[in-house]
Amino acid sequence: MREVVLTRRPSGRPTAGCFDVIDRPVPGLTAGCLLMRAAAISVDPSMIPRLTVATYAPAFQLGTAIEARAVGQVVRSAADGWEEGDWALFPGGWRDLAVVEAGSALRIHPSDALPAHMWLHAFGVPGLTAYIGLLKVAQVQPGETVWVSAAAGAVGSVAAQLARARGAGMVIGSTGGTDKARYLTETLGLDAAVDYRAGRFREQLRQAAPEGIHVYFDNVGGDHLEAALDIMRIGGRIAACGMISGYGVRQPGPANLAEIIVKRLRLEGFLVLDHLHRRAEFEAEVAPLLEAGRLRADVTIFEGIDSAPEALLSLLDGTKIGKALVRP
């Protein structure tokens, strides 16, 4: 099997030189285990800090494959109830083949409307993260104005569309670049897009929401969070999902935290791992939207297991749209 391992910890932002690709013998298959062939492997922003330090999950170990979710099919089974060809979501890591315990694999049933990779995107953890942050943490209400940062990414794009589906009065997305800004309005149907690379970021935001915003779904942190505090309406809610602008670099915190008091705001951080028990209700709401084409879930595919580091770096340089996936 072929796998991508971490060979050194980055001192700042990661580079391709932090990784290596290694061929290893496929381990023997013991009772209760499955040999899986990955069809798609996940690449997530939460991986970036784990290259260096422990977060809510342990730091990645040097010399071992990067941990990641994957979808694929059973090649060989030594577990009751599993047969060759069965599809599953499993913790395979950055490997083309993986031996996993059957208890760690979730059987899935892909279809034309819900292809297998959707369990790594809108029908998987990114979608559940968007659902929890927007609807359970921020508790968006019909008619409200919602701003989602990194709205062209996996979590952000789902959150923005769920806000629209739940009746938000206005949905604003921020992203970097004119093409991605156009994607937000012309493809996802958002009311306005703010391109932070175009300059005058706060002015753009105020023009998009002259009366302020009720809900901010934060994937970026830093200057985006500071801008949100300035423009929030009294009683507004901020769901702190991620702060990718600070991954690999140290940034000062917002200088206007007093706005939380003045405007009686609620800023709440959350981890999707605390809400896995809500998966059934999430699936009940999102599956019909996906099947009806009302929720778009685009992906950027990186071909070959060797491309996994490039896929991870794309999360920092803003070159991808939607969910970044590796196809081994």
Protein backbone atom coordinates (compact mmCIF):
# COMPACT_ATOMS: atom_id res chain seq x y z
CA MET A 1 0.00 0.00 0.00
CA ARG A 2 1.05 3.59 -0.62
CA GLU A 3 0.73 6.22 2.11
CA VAL A 4 1.65 9.83 2.84
CA VAL A 5 3.49 10.35 6.13
CA LEU A 6 4.56 13.38 8.15
CA THR A 7 8.37 13.57 8.18
CA ARG A 8 8.94 16.88 9.97
CA ARG A 9 6.85 19.43 11.81
CA PRO A 10 6.47 22.83 10.15
CA SER A 11 7.91 25.85 11.95
CA GLY A 12 5.30 28.09 10.35
CA ARG A 13 2.95 27.31 7.51
CA PRO A 14 3.42 23.77 6.22
CA THR A 15 5.18 23.00 2.97
CA ALA A 16 5.32 19.95 0.73
CA GLY A 17 8.71 19.15 2.26
CA CYS A 18 7.02 18.18 5.52
CA PHE A 19 5.67 14.99 3.92
CA ASP A 20 6.90 11.88 2.17
CA VAL A 21 5.24 9.09 0.19
CA ILE A 22 6.09 5.54 1.28
CA ASP A 23 5.25 2.09 -0.03
CA ARG A 24 4.58 -0.49 2.68
CA PRO A 25 3.45 -4.14 2.63
CA VAL A 26 -0.28 -4.58 3.19
CA PRO A 27 -0.77 -5.84 6.77
CA GLY A 28 -2.29 -9.25 7.34
CA LEU A 29 -6.03 -9.39 7.87
CA THR A 30 -7.06 -10.56 11.35
CA ALA A 31 -10.51 -11.54 12.55
CA GLY A 32 -12.98 -8.64 12.64
CA CYS A 33 -11.01 -6.52 10.18
CA LEU A 34 -11.51 -5.27 6.63
CA LEU A 35 -9.09 -4.45 3.85
CA MET A 36 -10.48 -1.29 2.25
CA ARG A 37 -9.55 0.40 -1.03
CA ALA A 38 -10.11 4.15 -0.83
CA ALA A 39 -12.13 5.83 -3.57
CA ALA A 40 -11.82 9.31 -2.00
CA ILE A 41 -9.89 10.64 0.99
CA SER A 42 -10.72 13.72 3.02
CA VAL A 43 -8.50 16.79 3.43
CA ASP A 44 -9.64 19.15 6.20
CA PRO A 45 -8.51 22.47 7.72
CA SER A 46 -8.45 20.85 11.18
CA MET A 47 -5.45 18.80 10.01
CA ILE A 48 -3.22 21.87 9.73
CA PRO A 49 -2.63 22.66 13.43
CA ARG A 50 -2.25 18.94 14.19
CA LEU A 51 0.90 18.89 12.07
CA THR A 52 2.52 20.81 14.92
CA VAL A 53 0.52 20.54 18.15
CA ALA A 54 -2.32 18.70 19.82
CA THR A 55 -5.69 20.39 19.50
CA TYR A 56 -8.93 18.66 20.47
CA ALA A 57 -7.22 15.67 18.82
CA PRO A 58 -3.60 14.49 19.22
CA ALA A 59 -0.85 15.89 17.02
CA PHE A 60 0.02 13.68 14.06
CA GLN A 61 2.95 11.37 14.74
CA LEU A 62 6.13 11.64 12.73
CA GLY A 63 6.70 8.77 10.35
CA THR A 64 3.06 7.69 10.26
CA ALA A 65 0.31 8.29 7.75
CA ILE A 66 -1.83 11.38 8.23
CA GLU A 67 -5.13 10.43 9.87
CA ALA A 68 -8.17 11.08 7.68
CA ARG A 69 -11.60 9.78 6.80
CA ALA A 70 -12.08 7.95 3.53
CA VAL A 71 -14.81 6.26 1.53
CA GLY A 72 -14.24 3.12 -0.44
CA GLN A 73 -15.00 -0.54 -0.96
CA VAL A 74 -14.11 -3.74 0.83
CA VAL A 75 -11.35 -5.69 -0.93
CA ARG A 76 -11.24 -8.54 1.58
CA SER A 77 -13.30 -9.18 4.70
CA ALA A 78 -12.56 -11.08 7.90
CA ALA A 79 -15.63 -9.63 9.63
CA ASP A 80 -19.14 -11.02 9.83
CA GLY A 81 -21.69 -9.15 7.74
CA TRP A 82 -19.15 -7.56 5.39
CA GLU A 83 -18.45 -8.74 1.86
CA GLU A 84 -16.18 -7.76 -0.99
CA GLY A 85 -17.55 -4.70 -2.77
CA ASP A 86 -19.43 -3.24 0.21
CA TRP A 87 -19.10 0.53 0.52
CA ALA A 88 -18.07 2.20 3.78
CA LEU A 89 -16.90 5.40 5.42
CA PHE A 90 -13.78 4.48 7.39
CA PRO A 91 -10.70 5.97 9.15
CA GLY A 92 -8.21 4.93 6.51
CA GLY A 93 -5.81 7.88 6.63
CA TRP A 94 -3.83 9.09 3.65
CA ARG A 95 -3.47 5.57 2.16
CA ASP A 96 -4.76 3.93 -0.98
CA LEU A 97 -5.32 0.66 0.94
CA ALA A 98 -6.05 0.34 4.65
CA VAL A 99 -6.79 -2.41 7.14
CA VAL A 100 -9.43 -1.24 9.62
CA GLU A 101 -11.56 -2.80 12.31
CA ALA A 102 -15.08 -3.41 11.04
CA GLY A 103 -16.48 -1.62 14.07
CA SER A 104 -14.85 1.63 12.91
CA ALA A 105 -16.43 1.45 9.45
CA LEU A 106 -19.85 2.89 8.66
CA ARG A 107 -21.69 1.10 5.88
CA ILE A 108 -22.96 3.52 3.25
CA HIS A 109 -25.22 3.11 0.23
CA PRO A 110 -24.11 5.49 -2.54
CA SER A 111 -26.49 6.42 -5.35
CA ASP A 112 -26.57 8.77 -8.31
CA ALA A 113 -28.12 11.45 -6.08
CA LEU A 114 -25.74 10.74 -3.18
CA PRO A 115 -22.39 9.55 -4.56
CA ALA A 116 -19.91 8.04 -2.11
CA HIS A 117 -17.79 11.18 -1.74
CA MET A 118 -20.81 13.04 -0.31
CA TRP A 119 -20.15 11.21 2.97
CA LEU A 120 -16.94 13.25 3.12
CA HIS A 121 -18.70 16.50 2.19
CA ALA A 122 -22.26 17.76 2.56
CA PHE A 123 -23.64 14.45 3.84
CA GLY A 124 -20.70 13.90 6.18
CA VAL A 125 -18.77 15.78 8.85
CA PRO A 126 -18.51 19.11 6.93
CA GLY A 127 -22.28 19.14 6.38
CA LEU A 128 -23.01 18.18 9.97
CA THR A 129 -20.62 20.90 11.14
CA ALA A 130 -22.48 23.50 9.08
CA TYR A 131 -25.83 22.22 10.35
CA ILE A 132 -24.81 22.34 14.02
CA GLY A 133 -23.10 25.71 13.85
CA LEU A 134 -25.80 27.49 11.92
CA LEU A 135 -28.98 25.93 13.28
CA LYS A 136 -28.10 24.74 16.80
CA VAL A 137 -25.38 27.15 17.93
CA ALA A 138 -26.28 30.37 16.11
CA GLN A 139 -29.98 29.43 15.91
CA VAL A 140 -30.62 31.37 12.71
CA GLN A 141 -34.20 32.59 12.32
CA PRO A 142 -36.26 33.38 9.19
CA GLY A 143 -35.66 36.88 7.89
CA GLU A 144 -32.27 37.34 9.55
CA THR A 145 -29.09 38.51 7.85
CA VAL A 146 -26.34 35.90 7.90
CA TRP A 147 -22.66 36.22 7.04
CA VAL A 148 -20.57 33.10 6.39
CA SER A 149 -16.80 33.42 5.97
CA ALA A 150 -14.80 31.03 3.78
CA ALA A 151 -18.15 30.51 2.08
CA ALA A 152 -16.68 28.78 -0.97
CA GLY A 153 -15.22 26.02 1.21
CA ALA A 154 -16.71 22.72 2.28
CA VAL A 155 -18.33 23.82 5.54
CA GLY A 156 -19.00 27.41 4.55
CA SER A 157 -20.78 26.58 1.30
CA VAL A 158 -23.15 24.20 3.09
CA ALA A 159 -23.77 26.66 5.93
CA ALA A 160 -24.62 29.46 3.52
CA GLN A 161 -27.06 27.29 1.58
CA LEU A 162 -28.69 25.94 4.75
CA ALA A 163 -29.23 29.53 5.88
CA ARG A 164 -31.05 30.20 2.63
CA ALA A 165 -33.08 26.97 2.97
CA ARG A 166 -34.10 27.96 6.51
CA GLY A 167 -35.46 31.30 5.29
CA ALA A 168 -32.69 33.78 6.08
CA GLY A 169 -33.57 37.21 4.74
CA MET A 170 -30.09 37.83 3.37
CA VAL A 171 -27.05 35.55 3.07
CA ILE A 172 -23.61 37.07 2.56
CA GLY A 173 -20.50 35.04 1.86
CA SER A 174 -16.89 36.14 1.99
CA THR A 175 -14.07 34.54 0.04
CA GLY A 176 -10.81 35.38 -1.72
CA GLY A 177 -10.80 36.17 -5.44
CA THR A 178 -13.24 37.41 -8.05
CA ASP A 179 -13.97 33.96 -9.50
CA LYS A 180 -14.88 32.55 -6.11
CA ALA A 181 -16.97 35.61 -5.27
CA ARG A 182 -18.87 35.14 -8.51
CA TYR A 183 -19.31 31.44 -7.66
CA LEU A 184 -21.03 32.43 -4.41
CA THR A 185 -23.61 34.66 -6.06
CA GLU A 186 -24.09 33.05 -9.49
CA THR A 187 -23.77 29.37 -8.57
CA LEU A 188 -24.77 29.11 -4.90
CA GLY A 189 -27.30 31.94 -5.11
CA LEU A 190 -26.09 34.04 -2.20
CA ASP A 191 -27.34 37.63 -2.01
CA ALA A 192 -23.88 39.18 -1.85
CA ALA A 193 -20.22 38.16 -1.88
CA VAL A 194 -17.33 40.00 -0.25
CA ASP A 195 -13.88 39.48 -1.75
CA TYR A 196 -11.34 40.13 1.00
CA ARG A 197 -8.51 40.16 -1.54
CA ALA A 198 -10.04 43.08 -3.41
CA GLY A 199 -9.33 45.56 -0.58
CA ARG A 200 -11.74 47.72 1.44
CA PHE A 201 -12.98 44.53 3.10
CA ARG A 202 -15.00 46.21 5.87
CA GLU A 203 -16.45 48.74 3.45
CA GLN A 204 -17.60 45.92 1.18
CA LEU A 205 -19.18 44.19 4.15
CA ARG A 206 -21.02 47.31 5.29
CA GLN A 207 -22.31 47.92 1.78
CA ALA A 208 -23.61 44.36 1.65
CA ALA A 209 -25.31 44.63 5.06
CA PRO A 210 -25.94 48.31 5.80
CA GLU A 211 -28.24 47.43 8.72
CA GLY A 212 -25.81 44.93 10.22
CA ILE A 213 -25.91 41.16 10.60
CA HIS A 214 -27.70 38.89 13.03
CA VAL A 215 -25.56 35.77 12.60
CA TYR A 216 -21.90 35.29 11.73
CA PHE A 217 -20.61 31.78 10.94
CA ASP A 218 -16.86 32.12 11.47
CA ASN A 219 -14.41 29.89 9.63
CA VAL A 220 -11.57 32.42 9.48
CA GLY A 221 -11.07 34.35 12.73
CA GLY A 222 -8.57 37.25 12.79
CA ASP A 223 -9.65 40.34 10.88
CA HIS A 224 -12.90 38.64 9.81
CA LEU A 225 -13.98 38.13 13.40
CA GLU A 226 -12.99 41.71 14.22
CA ALA A 227 -15.06 42.98 11.28
CA ALA A 228 -18.00 40.89 12.41
CA LEU A 229 -17.91 42.37 15.92
CA ASP A 230 -18.10 45.84 14.37
CA ILE A 231 -21.11 45.06 12.17
CA MET A 232 -23.15 42.74 14.42
CA ARG A 233 -26.62 43.84 15.44
CA ILE A 234 -27.63 43.96 19.11
CA GLY A 235 -28.27 40.41 20.31
CA GLY A 236 -26.35 38.87 17.42
CA ARG A 237 -24.82 35.39 17.53
CA ILE A 238 -21.43 34.18 16.34
CA ALA A 239 -20.76 30.48 15.77
CA ALA A 240 -16.98 30.01 15.96
CA CYS A 241 -16.26 26.99 13.78
CA GLY A 242 -12.67 27.55 12.63
CA MET A 243 -9.95 30.19 12.48
CA ILE A 244 -7.90 29.21 9.47
CA SER A 245 -6.24 32.61 9.18
CA GLY A 246 -4.29 31.77 12.33
CA TYR A 247 -3.22 28.25 11.40
CA GLY A 248 0.56 28.12 11.23
CA VAL A 249 1.02 31.78 12.21
CA ARG A 250 0.41 33.75 15.39
CA GLN A 251 -2.02 36.61 15.00
CA PRO A 252 -3.29 39.22 17.47
CA GLY A 253 -6.84 38.83 18.67
CA PRO A 254 -9.64 41.26 17.75
CA ALA A 255 -9.09 44.73 19.20
CA ASN A 256 -12.83 45.32 19.63
CA LEU A 257 -13.92 42.52 21.97
CA ALA A 258 -15.84 45.09 24.03
CA GLU A 259 -18.49 44.94 21.29
CA ILE A 260 -19.56 41.61 22.79
CA ILE A 261 -20.71 43.53 25.87
CA VAL A 262 -21.99 46.67 24.19
CA LYS A 263 -24.12 44.73 21.69
CA ARG A 264 -25.01 41.86 24.06
CA LEU A 265 -23.56 39.35 21.61
CA ARG A 266 -23.17 35.60 22.03
CA LEU A 267 -19.95 34.08 20.68
CA GLU A 268 -19.83 30.30 21.02
CA GLY A 269 -17.21 27.88 19.84
CA PHE A 270 -18.22 24.34 19.01
CA LEU A 271 -16.85 20.99 17.89
CA VAL A 272 -18.92 18.71 15.72
CA LEU A 273 -17.64 15.74 17.76
CA ASP A 274 -19.90 16.89 20.60
CA HIS A 275 -22.97 16.64 18.34
CA LEU A 276 -22.66 13.30 16.57
CA HIS A 277 -25.90 12.19 18.24
CA ARG A 278 -27.71 14.68 15.97
CA ARG A 279 -26.65 12.90 12.80
CA ALA A 280 -30.10 11.35 12.16
CA GLU A 281 -31.92 14.70 12.27
CA PHE A 282 -29.19 16.25 10.13
CA GLU A 283 -29.54 13.52 7.49
CA ALA A 284 -33.33 13.87 7.51
CA GLU A 285 -33.04 17.56 6.63
CA VAL A 286 -30.07 17.49 4.26
CA ALA A 287 -30.70 14.34 2.21
CA PRO A 288 -33.85 15.73 0.53
CA LEU A 289 -32.05 18.99 -0.26
CA LEU A 290 -29.18 17.12 -1.92
CA GLU A 291 -31.46 14.76 -3.81
CA ALA A 292 -33.60 17.64 -5.08
CA GLY A 293 -30.56 19.66 -6.16
CA ARG A 294 -31.37 22.46 -3.70
CA LEU A 295 -28.05 22.00 -1.91
CA ARG A 296 -24.97 22.11 -4.12
CA ALA A 297 -21.82 20.37 -2.90
CA ASP A 298 -18.89 20.96 -5.24
CA VAL A 299 -15.52 19.26 -4.86
CA THR A 300 -11.97 19.90 -5.98
CA ILE A 301 -10.33 16.57 -6.81
CA PHE A 302 -6.59 15.96 -6.45
CA GLU A 303 -5.50 12.89 -8.37
CA GLY A 304 -3.20 10.29 -6.79
CA ILE A 305 -2.26 9.70 -3.17
CA ASP A 306 0.96 11.65 -3.79
CA SER A 307 -1.14 14.81 -4.24
CA ALA A 308 -2.46 14.82 -0.66
CA PRO A 309 0.06 17.45 0.60
CA GLU A 310 -0.84 19.70 -2.34
CA ALA A 311 -4.51 19.29 -1.44
CA LEU A 312 -3.82 20.31 2.15
CA LEU A 313 -1.83 23.37 1.11
CA SER A 314 -4.69 24.43 -1.17
CA LEU A 315 -6.73 25.09 1.96
CA LEU A 316 -4.30 27.86 2.89
CA ASP A 317 -3.69 29.42 -0.53
CA GLY A 318 -7.35 29.59 -1.53
CA THR A 319 -7.03 27.72 -4.82
CA LYS A 320 -9.87 25.25 -4.34
CA ILE A 321 -13.65 25.48 -4.34
CA GLY A 322 -15.83 23.31 -2.15
CA LYS A 323 -14.43 20.20 -0.54
CA ALA A 324 -10.84 19.14 -1.24
CA LEU A 325 -10.64 15.40 -1.89
CA VAL A 326 -7.85 13.06 -2.91
CA ARG A 327 -8.63 10.29 -5.37
CA PRO A 328 -5.84 7.71 -4.87
